[in-house]
PDB file of N, CA and C in Angstrom:
ATOM      1  N   MET A   1     -39.219  13.148-215.712  1.00  0.00           N
ATOM      2  CA  MET A   1     -39.746  12.961-217.044  1.00  0.00           C
ATOM      3  C   MET A   1     -40.809  14.020-217.311  1.00  0.00           C
ATOM      4  N   ILE A   2     -40.888  14.442-218.545  1.00  0.00           N
ATOM      5  CA  ILE A   2     -41.885  15.411-218.969  1.00  0.00           C
ATOM      6  C   ILE A   2     -42.904  14.677-219.818  1.00  0.00           C
ATOM      7  N   GLN A   3     -44.168  14.814-219.474  1.00  0.00           N
ATOM      8  CA  GLN A   3     -45.221  14.102-220.196  1.00  0.00           C
ATOM      9  C   GLN A   3     -45.643  14.908-221.408  1.00  0.00           C
ATOM     10  N   LYS A   4     -45.772  14.232-222.543  1.00  0.00           N
ATOM     11  CA  LYS A   4     -46.201  14.851-223.789  1.00  0.00           C
ATOM     12  C   LYS A   4     -47.475  14.149-224.231  1.00  0.00           C
ATOM     13  N   ALA A   5     -48.603  14.831-224.125  1.00  0.00           N
ATOM     14  CA  ALA A   5     -49.892  14.217-224.450  1.00  0.00           C
ATOM     15  C   ALA A   5     -49.981  13.924-225.941  1.00  0.00           C
ATOM     16  N   ALA A   6     -50.546  12.788-226.264  1.00  0.00           N
ATOM     17  CA  ALA A   6     -50.780  12.426-227.659  1.00  0.00           C
ATOM     18  C   ALA A   6     -51.903  13.283-228.207  1.00  0.00           C
ATOM     19  N   ALA A   7     -51.796  13.645-229.451  1.00  0.00           N
ATOM     20  CA  ALA A   7     -52.795  14.516-230.072  1.00  0.00           C
ATOM     21  C   ALA A   7     -53.841  13.705-230.811  1.00  0.00           C
ATOM     22  N   GLY A   8     -55.088  13.821-230.396  1.00  0.00           N
ATOM     23  CA  GLY A   8     -56.206  13.321-231.177  1.00  0.00           C
ATOM     24  C   GLY A   8     -56.596  11.867-231.047  1.00  0.00           C
ATOM     25  N   ASN A   9     -55.738  10.975-230.626  1.00  0.00           N
ATOM     26  CA  ASN A   9     -56.062   9.559-230.620  1.00  0.00           C
ATOM     27  C   ASN A   9     -55.936   9.016-229.204  1.00  0.00           C
ATOM     28  N   ALA A  10     -57.060   8.630-228.613  1.00  0.00           N
ATOM     29  CA  ALA A  10     -57.058   8.150-227.229  1.00  0.00           C
ATOM     30  C   ALA A  10     -56.283   6.850-227.074  1.00  0.00           C
ATOM     31  N   SER A  11     -56.130   6.056-228.151  1.00  0.00           N
ATOM     32  CA  SER A  11     -55.395   4.798-228.048  1.00  0.00           C
ATOM     33  C   SER A  11     -53.892   4.991-228.205  1.00  0.00           C
ATOM     34  N   GLU A  12     -53.453   6.180-228.562  1.00  0.00           N
ATOM     35  CA  GLU A  12     -52.028   6.485-228.715  1.00  0.00           C
ATOM     36  C   GLU A  12     -51.379   6.532-227.333  1.00  0.00           C
ATOM     37  N   PRO A  13     -50.187   5.940-227.193  1.00  0.00           N
ATOM     38  CA  PRO A  13     -49.519   5.970-225.888  1.00  0.00           C
ATOM     39  C   PRO A  13     -49.176   7.396-225.463  1.00  0.00           C
ATOM     40  N   ARG A  14     -49.017   7.608-224.166  1.00  0.00           N
ATOM     41  CA  ARG A  14     -48.610   8.899-223.627  1.00  0.00           C
ATOM     42  C   ARG A  14     -47.088   8.893-223.508  1.00  0.00           C
ATOM     43  N   TRP A  15     -46.455   9.782-224.240  1.00  0.00           N
ATOM     44  CA  TRP A  15     -45.003   9.810-224.345  1.00  0.00           C
ATOM     45  C   TRP A  15     -44.402  10.728-223.302  1.00  0.00           C
ATOM     46  N   PHE A  16     -43.209  10.348-222.810  1.00  0.00           N
ATOM     47  CA  PHE A  16     -42.479  11.120-221.812  1.00  0.00           C
ATOM     48  C   PHE A  16     -41.079  11.404-222.325  1.00  0.00           C
ATOM     49  N   LYS A  17     -40.589  12.573-221.971  1.00  0.00           N
ATOM     50  CA  LYS A  17     -39.239  12.982-222.343  1.00  0.00           C
ATOM     51  C   LYS A  17     -38.482  13.277-221.050  1.00  0.00           C
ATOM     52  N   SER A  18     -37.236  12.934-220.995  1.00  0.00           N
ATOM     53  CA  SER A  18     -36.441  13.163-219.799  1.00  0.00           C
ATOM     54  C   SER A  18     -36.334  14.648-219.496  1.00  0.00           C
ATOM     55  N   SER A  19     -36.429  14.977-218.228  1.00  0.00           N
ATOM     56  CA  SER A  19     -36.245  16.370-217.813  1.00  0.00           C
ATOM     57  C   SER A  19     -34.773  16.770-217.936  1.00  0.00           C
ATOM     58  N   TYR A  20     -33.893  15.816-218.180  1.00  0.00           N
ATOM     59  CA  TYR A  20     -32.483  16.099-218.407  1.00  0.00           C
ATOM     60  C   TYR A  20     -32.172  16.411-219.867  1.00  0.00           C
ATOM     61  N   SER A  21     -33.174  16.423-220.726  1.00  0.00           N
ATOM     62  CA  SER A  21     -32.964  16.702-222.142  1.00  0.00           C
ATOM     63  C   SER A  21     -32.378  18.096-222.321  1.00  0.00           C
ATOM     64  N   ASP A  22     -31.623  18.261-223.371  1.00  0.00           N
ATOM     65  CA  ASP A  22     -31.003  19.543-223.686  1.00  0.00           C
ATOM     66  C   ASP A  22     -32.081  20.577-223.961  1.00  0.00           C
ATOM     67  N   SER A  23     -32.188  21.596-223.124  1.00  0.00           N
ATOM     68  CA  SER A  23     -33.246  22.600-223.275  1.00  0.00           C
ATOM     69  C   SER A  23     -33.017  23.507-224.477  1.00  0.00           C
ATOM     70  N   SER A  24     -31.798  23.550-225.040  1.00  0.00           N
ATOM     71  CA  SER A  24     -31.557  24.388-226.214  1.00  0.00           C
ATOM     72  C   SER A  24     -32.176  23.788-227.469  1.00  0.00           C
ATOM     73  N   ASN A  25     -32.452  22.473-227.448  1.00  0.00           N
ATOM     74  CA  ASN A  25     -33.098  21.817-228.581  1.00  0.00           C
ATOM     75  C   ASN A  25     -34.039  20.753-228.025  1.00  0.00           C
ATOM     76  N   PRO A  26     -35.265  21.160-227.639  1.00  0.00           N
ATOM     77  CA  PRO A  26     -36.171  20.218-226.964  1.00  0.00           C
ATOM     78  C   PRO A  26     -36.638  19.054-227.820  1.00  0.00           C
ATOM     79  N   ASN A  27     -36.425  19.096-229.125  1.00  0.00           N
ATOM     80  CA  ASN A  27     -36.837  17.980-229.984  1.00  0.00           C
ATOM     81  C   ASN A  27     -35.729  16.967-230.202  1.00  0.00           C
ATOM     82  N   ASP A  28     -34.572  17.201-229.626  1.00  0.00           N
ATOM     83  CA  ASP A  28     -33.430  16.314-229.793  1.00  0.00           C
ATOM     84  C   ASP A  28     -33.360  15.378-228.595  1.00  0.00           C
ATOM     85  N   CYS A  29     -34.242  14.393-228.579  1.00  0.00           N
ATOM     86  CA  CYS A  29     -34.378  13.564-227.397  1.00  0.00           C
ATOM     87  C   CYS A  29     -35.005  12.223-227.755  1.00  0.00           C
ATOM     88  N   VAL A  30     -34.879  11.302-226.836  1.00  0.00           N
ATOM     89  CA  VAL A  30     -35.581  10.032-226.915  1.00  0.00           C
ATOM     90  C   VAL A  30     -36.815  10.149-226.037  1.00  0.00           C
ATOM     91  N   GLU A  31     -37.945   9.631-226.506  1.00  0.00           N
ATOM     92  CA  GLU A  31     -39.177   9.635-225.726  1.00  0.00           C
ATOM     93  C   GLU A  31     -39.569   8.207-225.396  1.00  0.00           C
ATOM     94  N   VAL A  32     -40.260   8.042-224.273  1.00  0.00           N
ATOM     95  CA  VAL A  32     -40.656   6.729-223.771  1.00  0.00           C
ATOM     96  C   VAL A  32     -42.141   6.748-223.441  1.00  0.00           C
ATOM     97  N   ALA A  33     -42.839   5.672-223.775  1.00  0.00           N
ATOM     98  CA  ALA A  33     -44.242   5.474-223.386  1.00  0.00           C
ATOM     99  C   ALA A  33     -44.333   4.097-222.748  1.00  0.00           C
ATOM    100  N   THR A  34     -44.917   4.037-221.561  1.00  0.00           N
ATOM    101  CA  THR A  34     -44.971   2.762-220.847  1.00  0.00           C
ATOM    102  C   THR A  34     -46.386   2.209-220.789  1.00  0.00           C
ATOM    103  N   ALA A  35     -46.459   0.907-220.742  1.00  0.00           N
ATOM    104  CA  ALA A  35     -47.691   0.153-220.527  1.00  0.00           C
ATOM    105  C   ALA A  35     -47.303  -0.996-219.598  1.00  0.00           C
ATOM    106  N   PRO A  36     -48.264  -1.707-219.035  1.00  0.00           N
ATOM    107  CA  PRO A  36     -47.901  -2.774-218.092  1.00  0.00           C
ATOM    108  C   PRO A  36     -46.955  -3.836-218.666  1.00  0.00           C
ATOM    109  N   ASP A  37     -47.076  -4.146-219.953  1.00  0.00           N
ATOM    110  CA  ASP A  37     -46.286  -5.236-220.521  1.00  0.00           C
ATOM    111  C   ASP A  37     -45.265  -4.815-221.565  1.00  0.00           C
ATOM    112  N   VAL A  38     -45.123  -3.506-221.812  1.00  0.00           N
ATOM    113  CA  VAL A  38     -44.191  -3.045-222.847  1.00  0.00           C
ATOM    114  C   VAL A  38     -43.761  -1.605-222.572  1.00  0.00           C
ATOM    115  N   VAL A  39     -42.527  -1.300-222.981  1.00  0.00           N
ATOM    116  CA  VAL A  39     -42.013   0.067-222.948  1.00  0.00           C
ATOM    117  C   VAL A  39     -41.670   0.428-224.387  1.00  0.00           C
ATOM    118  N   HIS A  40     -42.306   1.471-224.911  1.00  0.00           N
ATOM    119  CA  HIS A  40     -42.043   1.944-226.268  1.00  0.00           C
ATOM    120  C   HIS A  40     -41.003   3.056-226.210  1.00  0.00           C
ATOM    121  N   VAL A  41     -40.092   3.082-227.176  1.00  0.00           N
ATOM    122  CA  VAL A  41     -39.057   4.107-227.256  1.00  0.00           C
ATOM    123  C   VAL A  41     -39.052   4.636-228.685  1.00  0.00           C
ATOM    124  N   ARG A  42     -38.965   5.974-228.814  1.00  0.00           N
ATOM    125  CA  ARG A  42     -38.920   6.579-230.153  1.00  0.00           C
ATOM    126  C   ARG A  42     -38.008   7.805-230.143  1.00  0.00           C
ATOM    127  N   ASP A  43     -37.626   8.238-231.325  1.00  0.00           N
ATOM    128  CA  ASP A  43     -36.831   9.456-231.531  1.00  0.00           C
ATOM    129  C   ASP A  43     -37.801  10.628-231.599  1.00  0.00           C
ATOM    130  N   SER A  44     -37.603  11.637-230.786  1.00  0.00           N
ATOM    131  CA  SER A  44     -38.529  12.770-230.752  1.00  0.00           C
ATOM    132  C   SER A  44     -38.516  13.580-232.040  1.00  0.00           C
ATOM    133  N   LYS A  45     -37.474  13.443-232.863  1.00  0.00           N
ATOM    134  CA  LYS A  45     -37.431  14.148-234.139  1.00  0.00           C
ATOM    135  C   LYS A  45     -38.224  13.434-235.228  1.00  0.00           C
ATOM    136  N   ASN A  46     -38.610  12.182-234.981  1.00  0.00           N
ATOM    137  CA  ASN A  46     -39.308  11.388-235.981  1.00  0.00           C
ATOM    138  C   ASN A  46     -40.480  10.672-235.308  1.00  0.00           C
ATOM    139  N   LEU A  47     -41.509  11.435-234.957  1.00  0.00           N
ATOM    140  CA  LEU A  47     -42.627  10.916-234.169  1.00  0.00           C
ATOM    141  C   LEU A  47     -43.361   9.763-234.827  1.00  0.00           C
ATOM    142  N   HIS A  48     -43.370   9.709-236.144  1.00  0.00           N
ATOM    143  CA  HIS A  48     -44.091   8.645-236.842  1.00  0.00           C
ATOM    144  C   HIS A  48     -43.147   7.580-237.386  1.00  0.00           C
ATOM    145  N   GLY A  49     -41.886   7.683-237.007  1.00  0.00           N
ATOM    146  CA  GLY A  49     -40.892   6.718-237.460  1.00  0.00           C
ATOM    147  C   GLY A  49     -40.917   5.450-236.627  1.00  0.00           C
ATOM    148  N   PRO A  50     -39.881   4.661-236.755  1.00  0.00           N
ATOM    149  CA  PRO A  50     -39.839   3.376-236.036  1.00  0.00           C
ATOM    150  C   PRO A  50     -39.796   3.578-234.529  1.00  0.00           C
ATOM    151  N   ARG A  51     -40.309   2.580-233.834  1.00  0.00           N
ATOM    152  CA  ARG A  51     -40.308   2.555-232.368  1.00  0.00           C
ATOM    153  C   ARG A  51     -39.746   1.222-231.911  1.00  0.00           C
ATOM    154  N   LEU A  52     -39.064   1.270-230.802  1.00  0.00           N
ATOM    155  CA  LEU A  52     -38.628   0.034-230.159  1.00  0.00           C
ATOM    156  C   LEU A  52     -39.694  -0.368-229.157  1.00  0.00           C
ATOM    157  N   ALA A  53     -39.907  -1.648-229.002  1.00  0.00           N
ATOM    158  CA  ALA A  53     -40.817  -2.177-227.988  1.00  0.00           C
ATOM    159  C   ALA A  53     -40.008  -3.134-227.120  1.00  0.00           C
ATOM    160  N   LEU A  54     -39.859  -2.789-225.851  1.00  0.00           N
ATOM    161  CA  LEU A  54     -39.053  -3.575-224.932  1.00  0.00           C
ATOM    162  C   LEU A  54     -39.908  -4.096-223.790  1.00  0.00           C
ATOM    163  N   THR A  55     -39.494  -5.226-223.235  1.00  0.00           N
ATOM    164  CA  THR A  55     -40.164  -5.688-222.023  1.00  0.00           C
ATOM    165  C   THR A  55     -39.744  -4.762-220.885  1.00  0.00           C
ATOM    166  N   PRO A  56     -40.563  -4.653-219.852  1.00  0.00           N
ATOM    167  CA  PRO A  56     -40.155  -3.828-218.706  1.00  0.00           C
ATOM    168  C   PRO A  56     -38.824  -4.283-218.090  1.00  0.00           C
ATOM    169  N   VAL A  57     -38.562  -5.586-218.094  1.00  0.00           N
ATOM    170  CA  VAL A  57     -37.296  -6.098-217.547  1.00  0.00           C
ATOM    171  C   VAL A  57     -36.118  -5.622-218.402  1.00  0.00           C
ATOM    172  N   ALA A  58     -36.254  -5.691-219.723  1.00  0.00           N
ATOM    173  CA  ALA A  58     -35.187  -5.234-220.616  1.00  0.00           C
ATOM    174  C   ALA A  58     -34.961  -3.735-220.459  1.00  0.00           C
ATOM    175  N   TRP A  59     -36.041  -2.954-220.329  1.00  0.00           N
ATOM    176  CA  TRP A  59     -35.916  -1.506-220.149  1.00  0.00           C
ATOM    177  C   TRP A  59     -35.207  -1.194-218.827  1.00  0.00           C
ATOM    178  N   ALA A  60     -35.580  -1.871-217.749  1.00  0.00           N
ATOM    179  CA  ALA A  60     -34.951  -1.654-216.453  1.00  0.00           C
ATOM    180  C   ALA A  60     -33.461  -1.982-216.524  1.00  0.00           C
ATOM    181  N   GLY A  61     -33.109  -3.030-217.243  1.00  0.00           N
ATOM    182  CA  GLY A  61     -31.699  -3.385-217.415  1.00  0.00           C
ATOM    183  C   GLY A  61     -30.944  -2.316-218.177  1.00  0.00           C
ATOM    184  N   PHE A  62     -31.549  -1.775-219.214  1.00  0.00           N
ATOM    185  CA  PHE A  62     -30.902  -0.700-219.989  1.00  0.00           C
ATOM    186  C   PHE A  62     -30.711   0.542-219.134  1.00  0.00           C
ATOM    187  N   VAL A  63     -31.751   0.935-218.390  1.00  0.00           N
ATOM    188  CA  VAL A  63     -31.661   2.133-217.559  1.00  0.00           C
ATOM    189  C   VAL A  63     -30.562   1.966-216.501  1.00  0.00           C
ATOM    190  N   ALA A  64     -30.485   0.799-215.885  1.00  0.00           N
ATOM    191  CA  ALA A  64     -29.444   0.551-214.893  1.00  0.00           C
ATOM    192  C   ALA A  64     -28.062   0.629-215.542  1.00  0.00           C
ATOM    193  N   TYR A  65     -27.920   0.070-216.722  1.00  0.00           N
ATOM    194  CA  TYR A  65     -26.652   0.126-217.455  1.00  0.00           C
ATOM    195  C   TYR A  65     -26.284   1.576-217.792  1.00  0.00           C
ATOM    196  N   ALA A  66     -27.236   2.332-218.330  1.00  0.00           N
ATOM    197  CA  ALA A  66     -26.984   3.718-218.722  1.00  0.00           C
ATOM    198  C   ALA A  66     -26.650   4.591-217.511  1.00  0.00           C
ATOM    199  N   ALA A  67     -27.251   4.324-216.375  1.00  0.00           N
ATOM    200  CA  ALA A  67     -26.991   5.117-215.171  1.00  0.00           C
ATOM    201  C   ALA A  67     -25.551   4.948-214.687  1.00  0.00           C
ATOM    202  N   ARG A  68     -24.954   3.831-214.982  1.00  0.00           N
ATOM    203  CA  ARG A  68     -23.562   3.583-214.564  1.00  0.00           C
ATOM    204  C   ARG A  68     -22.552   4.244-215.500  1.00  0.00           C
ATOM    205  N   ARG A  69     -22.983   4.739-216.619  1.00  0.00           N
ATOM    206  CA  ARG A  69     -22.085   5.323-217.612  1.00  0.00           C
ATOM    207  C   ARG A  69     -21.883   6.783-217.395  1.00  0.00           C
TER     208      ARG A  69
END
């Protein structure tokens, strides 16, 4: 994962982008920010758009599912 520091706001989550993202278009990716009780997911092309908030268990289940595909 590649860490992308939040600009200007210390309360803003720290977003990460997969190192497997397409390097020809680095903004075409999903970003993730984790906290002890929630995993936030957003579209890197729309930083201020909607975000998903998942429990860590739900996120782990999704990652395991996606890894099998």
